[in-house]
Amino acid sequence: MPEGKPAGVRCVQLTEDNLCALYDSPERPLVCTWLRPNEEMCGQTREEALAYLTALEIATKPDAAPGRRRV
C-alpha cells in the first residue's frame, strides 16, 4: 500500500487465511519486519487486537501531535 494503510483497513497483502503474502519477499515493508507482536498487542480476542493496533496507528501517524505518540 504505497500511500500507507489507514487504521482499520485490512492490508491488501493478507491472504484469505490471514497470512502475509509478502512474508519471505524482499518487497515486505520494514515496518512489518520490525513489528514484534506481544501479549499486550494481541489481547485475548480479535477485537482487542484490532483496538490496540488502531490506537497504535493513530498515535504514530506522521501528522500526530508529539504528545500523542504514546500507546
PDB file of N, CA and C in Angstrom:
ATOM      1  N   MET A   1       0.852  -1.161   0.000  1.00  0.00           N
ATOM      2  CA  MET A   1       0.000   0.000   0.000  1.00  0.00           C
ATOM      3  C   MET A   1       0.905   1.233   0.000  1.00  0.00           C
ATOM      4  N   PRO A   2       1.299   1.687  -1.174  1.00  0.00           N
ATOM      5  CA  PRO A   2       2.290   2.767  -1.310  1.00  0.00           C
ATOM      6  C   PRO A   2       1.979   4.036  -0.527  1.00  0.00           C
ATOM      7  N   GLU A   3       0.721   4.377  -0.367  1.00  0.00           N
ATOM      8  CA  GLU A   3       0.355   5.592   0.366  1.00  0.00           C
ATOM      9  C   GLU A   3       0.127   5.315   1.850  1.00  0.00           C
ATOM     10  N   GLY A   4       0.440   4.125   2.303  1.00  0.00           N
ATOM     11  CA  GLY A   4       0.230   3.756   3.693  1.00  0.00           C
ATOM     12  C   GLY A   4      -1.119   3.077   3.880  1.00  0.00           C
ATOM     13  N   LYS A   5      -1.291   2.451   5.022  1.00  0.00           N
ATOM     14  CA  LYS A   5      -2.524   1.741   5.320  1.00  0.00           C
ATOM     15  C   LYS A   5      -3.240   2.441   6.455  1.00  0.00           C
ATOM     16  N   PRO A   6      -4.422   2.971   6.202  1.00  0.00           N
ATOM     17  CA  PRO A   6      -5.167   3.623   7.276  1.00  0.00           C
ATOM     18  C   PRO A   6      -5.571   2.640   8.374  1.00  0.00           C
ATOM     19  N   ALA A   7      -5.714   3.130   9.575  1.00  0.00           N
ATOM     20  CA  ALA A   7      -6.155   2.299  10.692  1.00  0.00           C
ATOM     21  C   ALA A   7      -7.502   1.685  10.351  1.00  0.00           C
ATOM     22  N   GLY A   8      -7.643   0.415  10.677  1.00  0.00           N
ATOM     23  CA  GLY A   8      -8.912  -0.275  10.454  1.00  0.00           C
ATOM     24  C   GLY A   8      -9.099  -0.834   9.061  1.00  0.00           C
ATOM     25  N   VAL A   9      -8.162  -0.559   8.155  1.00  0.00           N
ATOM     26  CA  VAL A   9      -8.253  -1.079   6.787  1.00  0.00           C
ATOM     27  C   VAL A   9      -7.393  -2.341   6.700  1.00  0.00           C
ATOM     28  N   ARG A  10      -7.983  -3.389   6.183  1.00  0.00           N
ATOM     29  CA  ARG A  10      -7.275  -4.658   6.032  1.00  0.00           C
ATOM     30  C   ARG A  10      -6.127  -4.486   5.035  1.00  0.00           C
ATOM     31  N   CYS A  11      -4.980  -5.018   5.372  1.00  0.00           N
ATOM     32  CA  CYS A  11      -3.827  -4.968   4.477  1.00  0.00           C
ATOM     33  C   CYS A  11      -4.122  -5.760   3.207  1.00  0.00           C
ATOM     34  N   VAL A  12      -3.802  -5.183   2.061  1.00  0.00           N
ATOM     35  CA  VAL A  12      -4.072  -5.848   0.785  1.00  0.00           C
ATOM     36  C   VAL A  12      -3.205  -7.089   0.597  1.00  0.00           C
ATOM     37  N   GLN A  13      -2.163  -7.235   1.403  1.00  0.00           N
ATOM     38  CA  GLN A  13      -1.277  -8.386   1.277  1.00  0.00           C
ATOM     39  C   GLN A  13      -1.683  -9.574   2.153  1.00  0.00           C
ATOM     40  N   LEU A  14      -2.773  -9.448   2.912  1.00  0.00           N
ATOM     41  CA  LEU A  14      -3.236 -10.574   3.721  1.00  0.00           C
ATOM     42  C   LEU A  14      -3.981 -11.565   2.840  1.00  0.00           C
ATOM     43  N   THR A  15      -3.649 -12.838   3.015  1.00  0.00           N
ATOM     44  CA  THR A  15      -4.344 -13.888   2.284  1.00  0.00           C
ATOM     45  C   THR A  15      -5.684 -14.169   2.968  1.00  0.00           C
ATOM     46  N   GLU A  16      -6.499 -15.020   2.369  1.00  0.00           N
ATOM     47  CA  GLU A  16      -7.805 -15.356   2.950  1.00  0.00           C
ATOM     48  C   GLU A  16      -7.672 -15.961   4.340  1.00  0.00           C
ATOM     49  N   ASP A  17      -6.559 -16.664   4.606  1.00  0.00           N
ATOM     50  CA  ASP A  17      -6.364 -17.264   5.929  1.00  0.00           C
ATOM     51  C   ASP A  17      -5.506 -16.375   6.827  1.00  0.00           C
ATOM     52  N   ASN A  18      -5.470 -15.066   6.508  1.00  0.00           N
ATOM     53  CA  ASN A  18      -4.802 -14.031   7.315  1.00  0.00           C
ATOM     54  C   ASN A  18      -3.295 -14.203   7.443  1.00  0.00           C
ATOM     55  N   LEU A  19      -2.676 -14.756   6.427  1.00  0.00           N
ATOM     56  CA  LEU A  19      -1.217 -14.840   6.396  1.00  0.00           C
ATOM     57  C   LEU A  19      -0.697 -13.759   5.459  1.00  0.00           C
ATOM     58  N   CYS A  20       0.548 -13.369   5.653  1.00  0.00           N
ATOM     59  CA  CYS A  20       1.154 -12.328   4.831  1.00  0.00           C
ATOM     60  C   CYS A  20       1.639 -12.912   3.502  1.00  0.00           C
ATOM     61  N   ALA A  21       1.136 -12.358   2.404  1.00  0.00           N
ATOM     62  CA  ALA A  21       1.539 -12.815   1.077  1.00  0.00           C
ATOM     63  C   ALA A  21       2.978 -12.405   0.747  1.00  0.00           C
ATOM     64  N   LEU A  22       3.522 -11.447   1.489  1.00  0.00           N
ATOM     65  CA  LEU A  22       4.888 -10.960   1.237  1.00  0.00           C
ATOM     66  C   LEU A  22       5.891 -11.421   2.288  1.00  0.00           C
ATOM     67  N   TYR A  23       5.515 -12.354   3.151  1.00  0.00           N
ATOM     68  CA  TYR A  23       6.326 -12.684   4.325  1.00  0.00           C
ATOM     69  C   TYR A  23       7.804 -12.933   3.997  1.00  0.00           C
ATOM     70  N   ASP A  24       8.109 -13.744   3.034  1.00  0.00           N
ATOM     71  CA  ASP A  24       9.509 -14.044   2.693  1.00  0.00           C
ATOM     72  C   ASP A  24      10.019 -13.240   1.502  1.00  0.00           C
ATOM     73  N   SER A  25       9.310 -12.196   1.149  1.00  0.00           N
ATOM     74  CA  SER A  25       9.642 -11.409  -0.026  1.00  0.00           C
ATOM     75  C   SER A  25      10.454 -10.166   0.336  1.00  0.00           C
ATOM     76  N   PRO A  26      11.379  -9.767  -0.534  1.00  0.00           N
ATOM     77  CA  PRO A  26      12.116  -8.520  -0.295  1.00  0.00           C
ATOM     78  C   PRO A  26      11.209  -7.289  -0.367  1.00  0.00           C
ATOM     79  N   GLU A  27      10.016  -7.422  -0.943  1.00  0.00           N
ATOM     80  CA  GLU A  27       9.075  -6.308  -1.015  1.00  0.00           C
ATOM     81  C   GLU A  27       8.328  -6.089   0.295  1.00  0.00           C
ATOM     82  N   ARG A  28       8.488  -6.987   1.257  1.00  0.00           N
ATOM     83  CA  ARG A  28       7.796  -6.841   2.543  1.00  0.00           C
ATOM     84  C   ARG A  28       8.260  -5.550   3.218  1.00  0.00           C
ATOM     85  N   PRO A  29       7.319  -4.687   3.630  1.00  0.00           N
ATOM     86  CA  PRO A  29       7.694  -3.417   4.260  1.00  0.00           C
ATOM     87  C   PRO A  29       8.489  -3.628   5.554  1.00  0.00           C
ATOM     88  N   LEU A  30       9.439  -2.737   5.802  1.00  0.00           N
ATOM     89  CA  LEU A  30      10.257  -2.841   7.008  1.00  0.00           C
ATOM     90  C   LEU A  30       9.420  -2.804   8.281  1.00  0.00           C
ATOM     91  N   VAL A  31       8.351  -2.005   8.280  1.00  0.00           N
ATOM     92  CA  VAL A  31       7.525  -1.926   9.483  1.00  0.00           C
ATOM     93  C   VAL A  31       6.975  -3.308   9.831  1.00  0.00           C
ATOM     94  N   CYS A  32       6.644  -4.089   8.841  1.00  0.00           N
ATOM     95  CA  CYS A  32       6.126  -5.438   9.096  1.00  0.00           C
ATOM     96  C   CYS A  32       7.230  -6.359   9.626  1.00  0.00           C
ATOM     97  N   THR A  33       8.438  -6.160   9.161  1.00  0.00           N
ATOM     98  CA  THR A  33       9.565  -6.967   9.626  1.00  0.00           C
ATOM     99  C   THR A  33       9.916  -6.603  11.064  1.00  0.00           C
ATOM    100  N   TRP A  34       9.863  -5.315  11.392  1.00  0.00           N
ATOM    101  CA  TRP A  34      10.264  -4.843  12.721  1.00  0.00           C
ATOM    102  C   TRP A  34       9.195  -5.058  13.788  1.00  0.00           C
ATOM    103  N   LEU A  35       7.933  -5.093  13.381  1.00  0.00           N
ATOM    104  CA  LEU A  35       6.845  -5.230  14.347  1.00  0.00           C
ATOM    105  C   LEU A  35       6.898  -6.597  15.016  1.00  0.00           C
ATOM    106  N   ARG A  36       6.981  -6.594  16.326  1.00  0.00           N
ATOM    107  CA  ARG A  36       7.037  -7.833  17.101  1.00  0.00           C
ATOM    108  C   ARG A  36       5.801  -7.911  17.994  1.00  0.00           C
ATOM    109  N   PRO A  37       4.812  -8.707  17.585  1.00  0.00           N
ATOM    110  CA  PRO A  37       3.606  -8.818  18.402  1.00  0.00           C
ATOM    111  C   PRO A  37       3.924  -9.320  19.806  1.00  0.00           C
ATOM    112  N   ASN A  38       3.159  -8.846  20.767  1.00  0.00           N
ATOM    113  CA  ASN A  38       3.305  -9.321  22.144  1.00  0.00           C
ATOM    114  C   ASN A  38       1.918  -9.491  22.738  1.00  0.00           C
ATOM    115  N   GLU A  39       1.850 -10.001  23.950  1.00  0.00           N
ATOM    116  CA  GLU A  39       0.565 -10.279  24.584  1.00  0.00           C
ATOM    117  C   GLU A  39      -0.318  -9.034  24.690  1.00  0.00           C
ATOM    118  N   GLU A  40       0.282  -7.910  25.057  1.00  0.00           N
ATOM    119  CA  GLU A  40      -0.484  -6.665  25.195  1.00  0.00           C
ATOM    120  C   GLU A  40      -1.111  -6.269  23.855  1.00  0.00           C
ATOM    121  N   MET A  41      -0.361  -6.403  22.784  1.00  0.00           N
ATOM    122  CA  MET A  41      -0.832  -6.030  21.459  1.00  0.00           C
ATOM    123  C   MET A  41      -1.939  -6.969  20.975  1.00  0.00           C
ATOM    124  N   CYS A  42      -1.802  -8.244  21.233  1.00  0.00           N
ATOM    125  CA  CYS A  42      -2.748  -9.227  20.698  1.00  0.00           C
ATOM    126  C   CYS A  42      -4.024  -9.355  21.519  1.00  0.00           C
ATOM    127  N   GLY A  43      -3.944  -9.067  22.826  1.00  0.00           N
ATOM    128  CA  GLY A  43      -5.120  -9.188  23.673  1.00  0.00           C
ATOM    129  C   GLY A  43      -5.638 -10.616  23.730  1.00  0.00           C
ATOM    130  N   GLN A  44      -6.871 -10.746  24.161  1.00  0.00           N
ATOM    131  CA  GLN A  44      -7.492 -12.068  24.279  1.00  0.00           C
ATOM    132  C   GLN A  44      -8.435 -12.375  23.115  1.00  0.00           C
ATOM    133  N   THR A  45      -8.788 -11.342  22.345  1.00  0.00           N
ATOM    134  CA  THR A  45      -9.718 -11.530  21.231  1.00  0.00           C
ATOM    135  C   THR A  45      -9.238 -10.734  20.022  1.00  0.00           C
ATOM    136  N   ARG A  46      -9.821 -11.034  18.873  1.00  0.00           N
ATOM    137  CA  ARG A  46      -9.507 -10.295  17.655  1.00  0.00           C
ATOM    138  C   ARG A  46      -9.872  -8.822  17.835  1.00  0.00           C
ATOM    139  N   GLU A  47     -10.998  -8.566  18.494  1.00  0.00           N
ATOM    140  CA  GLU A  47     -11.448  -7.190  18.711  1.00  0.00           C
ATOM    141  C   GLU A  47     -10.450  -6.407  19.564  1.00  0.00           C
ATOM    142  N   GLU A  48      -9.908  -7.034  20.613  1.00  0.00           N
ATOM    143  CA  GLU A  48      -8.903  -6.365  21.451  1.00  0.00           C
ATOM    144  C   GLU A  48      -7.645  -6.071  20.646  1.00  0.00           C
ATOM    145  N   ALA A  49      -7.230  -7.005  19.813  1.00  0.00           N
ATOM    146  CA  ALA A  49      -6.038  -6.797  18.982  1.00  0.00           C
ATOM    147  C   ALA A  49      -6.257  -5.653  18.000  1.00  0.00           C
ATOM    148  N   LEU A  50      -7.415  -5.626  17.354  1.00  0.00           N
ATOM    149  CA  LEU A  50      -7.698  -4.555  16.401  1.00  0.00           C
ATOM    150  C   LEU A  50      -7.784  -3.198  17.079  1.00  0.00           C
ATOM    151  N   ALA A  51      -8.365  -3.151  18.276  1.00  0.00           N
ATOM    152  CA  ALA A  51      -8.440  -1.881  19.010  1.00  0.00           C
ATOM    153  C   ALA A  51      -7.035  -1.379  19.346  1.00  0.00           C
ATOM    154  N   TYR A  52      -6.155  -2.264  19.779  1.00  0.00           N
ATOM    155  CA  TYR A  52      -4.785  -1.875  20.118  1.00  0.00           C
ATOM    156  C   TYR A  52      -4.050  -1.387  18.867  1.00  0.00           C
ATOM    157  N   LEU A  53      -4.146  -2.134  17.783  1.00  0.00           N
ATOM    158  CA  LEU A  53      -3.442  -1.751  16.555  1.00  0.00           C
ATOM    159  C   LEU A  53      -3.987  -0.447  15.975  1.00  0.00           C
ATOM    160  N   THR A  54      -5.284  -0.239  16.076  1.00  0.00           N
ATOM    161  CA  THR A  54      -5.869   1.021  15.610  1.00  0.00           C
ATOM    162  C   THR A  54      -5.318   2.189  16.424  1.00  0.00           C
ATOM    163  N   ALA A  55      -5.277   2.028  17.741  1.00  0.00           N
ATOM    164  CA  ALA A  55      -4.726   3.086  18.605  1.00  0.00           C
ATOM    165  C   ALA A  55      -3.255   3.333  18.279  1.00  0.00           C
ATOM    166  N   LEU A  56      -2.496   2.284  18.023  1.00  0.00           N
ATOM    167  CA  LEU A  56      -1.081   2.412  17.676  1.00  0.00           C
ATOM    168  C   LEU A  56      -0.912   3.171  16.359  1.00  0.00           C
ATOM    169  N   GLU A  57      -1.712   2.825  15.366  1.00  0.00           N
ATOM    170  CA  GLU A  57      -1.624   3.510  14.072  1.00  0.00           C
ATOM    171  C   GLU A  57      -1.974   4.990  14.200  1.00  0.00           C
ATOM    172  N   ILE A  58      -3.023   5.285  14.951  1.00  0.00           N
ATOM    173  CA  ILE A  58      -3.432   6.681  15.129  1.00  0.00           C
ATOM    174  C   ILE A  58      -2.350   7.470  15.877  1.00  0.00           C
ATOM    175  N   ALA A  59      -1.808   6.871  16.920  1.00  0.00           N
ATOM    176  CA  ALA A  59      -0.801   7.561  17.742  1.00  0.00           C
ATOM    177  C   ALA A  59       0.513   7.777  17.018  1.00  0.00           C
ATOM    178  N   THR A  60       0.786   6.998  15.984  1.00  0.00           N
ATOM    179  CA  THR A  60       2.080   7.111  15.303  1.00  0.00           C
ATOM    180  C   THR A  60       1.963   7.679  13.891  1.00  0.00           C
ATOM    181  N   LYS A  61       0.790   8.220  13.561  1.00  0.00           N
ATOM    182  CA  LYS A  61       0.650   8.870  12.260  1.00  0.00           C
ATOM    183  C   LYS A  61       1.660  10.005  12.170  1.00  0.00           C
ATOM    184  N   PRO A  62       2.250  10.219  10.997  1.00  0.00           N
ATOM    185  CA  PRO A  62       3.236  11.299  10.865  1.00  0.00           C
ATOM    186  C   PRO A  62       2.717  12.670  11.277  1.00  0.00           C
ATOM    187  N   ASP A  63       1.443  12.940  11.116  1.00  0.00           N
ATOM    188  CA  ASP A  63       0.908  14.247  11.479  1.00  0.00           C
ATOM    189  C   ASP A  63       0.337  14.285  12.902  1.00  0.00           C
ATOM    190  N   ALA A  64       0.545  13.219  13.679  1.00  0.00           N
ATOM    191  CA  ALA A  64       0.054  13.191  15.064  1.00  0.00           C
ATOM    192  C   ALA A  64       0.849  14.195  15.895  1.00  0.00           C
ATOM    193  N   ALA A  65       0.174  14.831  16.818  1.00  0.00           N
ATOM    194  CA  ALA A  65       0.847  15.770  17.723  1.00  0.00           C
ATOM    195  C   ALA A  65       1.898  15.011  18.537  1.00  0.00           C
ATOM    196  N   PRO A  66       3.074  15.623  18.794  1.00  0.00           N
ATOM    197  CA  PRO A  66       4.147  14.931  19.512  1.00  0.00           C
ATOM    198  C   PRO A  66       3.693  14.292  20.827  1.00  0.00           C
ATOM    199  N   GLY A  67       2.814  14.943  21.567  1.00  0.00           N
ATOM    200  CA  GLY A  67       2.356  14.394  22.846  1.00  0.00           C
ATOM    201  C   GLY A  67       1.458  13.194  22.695  1.00  0.00           C
ATOM    202  N   ARG A  68       0.979  12.923  21.470  1.00  0.00           N
ATOM    203  CA  ARG A  68       0.053  11.810  21.232  1.00  0.00           C
ATOM    204  C   ARG A  68       0.776  10.573  20.748  1.00  0.00           C
ATOM    205  N   ARG A  69       2.063  10.584  20.659  1.00  0.00           N
ATOM    206  CA  ARG A  69       2.784   9.440  20.110  1.00  0.00           C
ATOM    207  C   ARG A  69       3.079   8.370  21.161  1.00  0.00           C
ATOM    208  N   ARG A  70       2.115   8.144  22.015  1.00  0.00           N
ATOM    209  CA  ARG A  70       2.271   7.092  23.018  1.00  0.00           C
ATOM    210  C   ARG A  70       1.073   6.173  22.960  1.00  0.00           C
ATOM    211  N   VAL A  71       1.314   4.907  23.222  1.00  0.00           N
ATOM    212  CA  VAL A  71       0.222   3.933  23.264  1.00  0.00           C
ATOM    213  C   VAL A  71       0.301   3.196  24.571  1.00  0.00           C
TER     214      VAL A  71
END
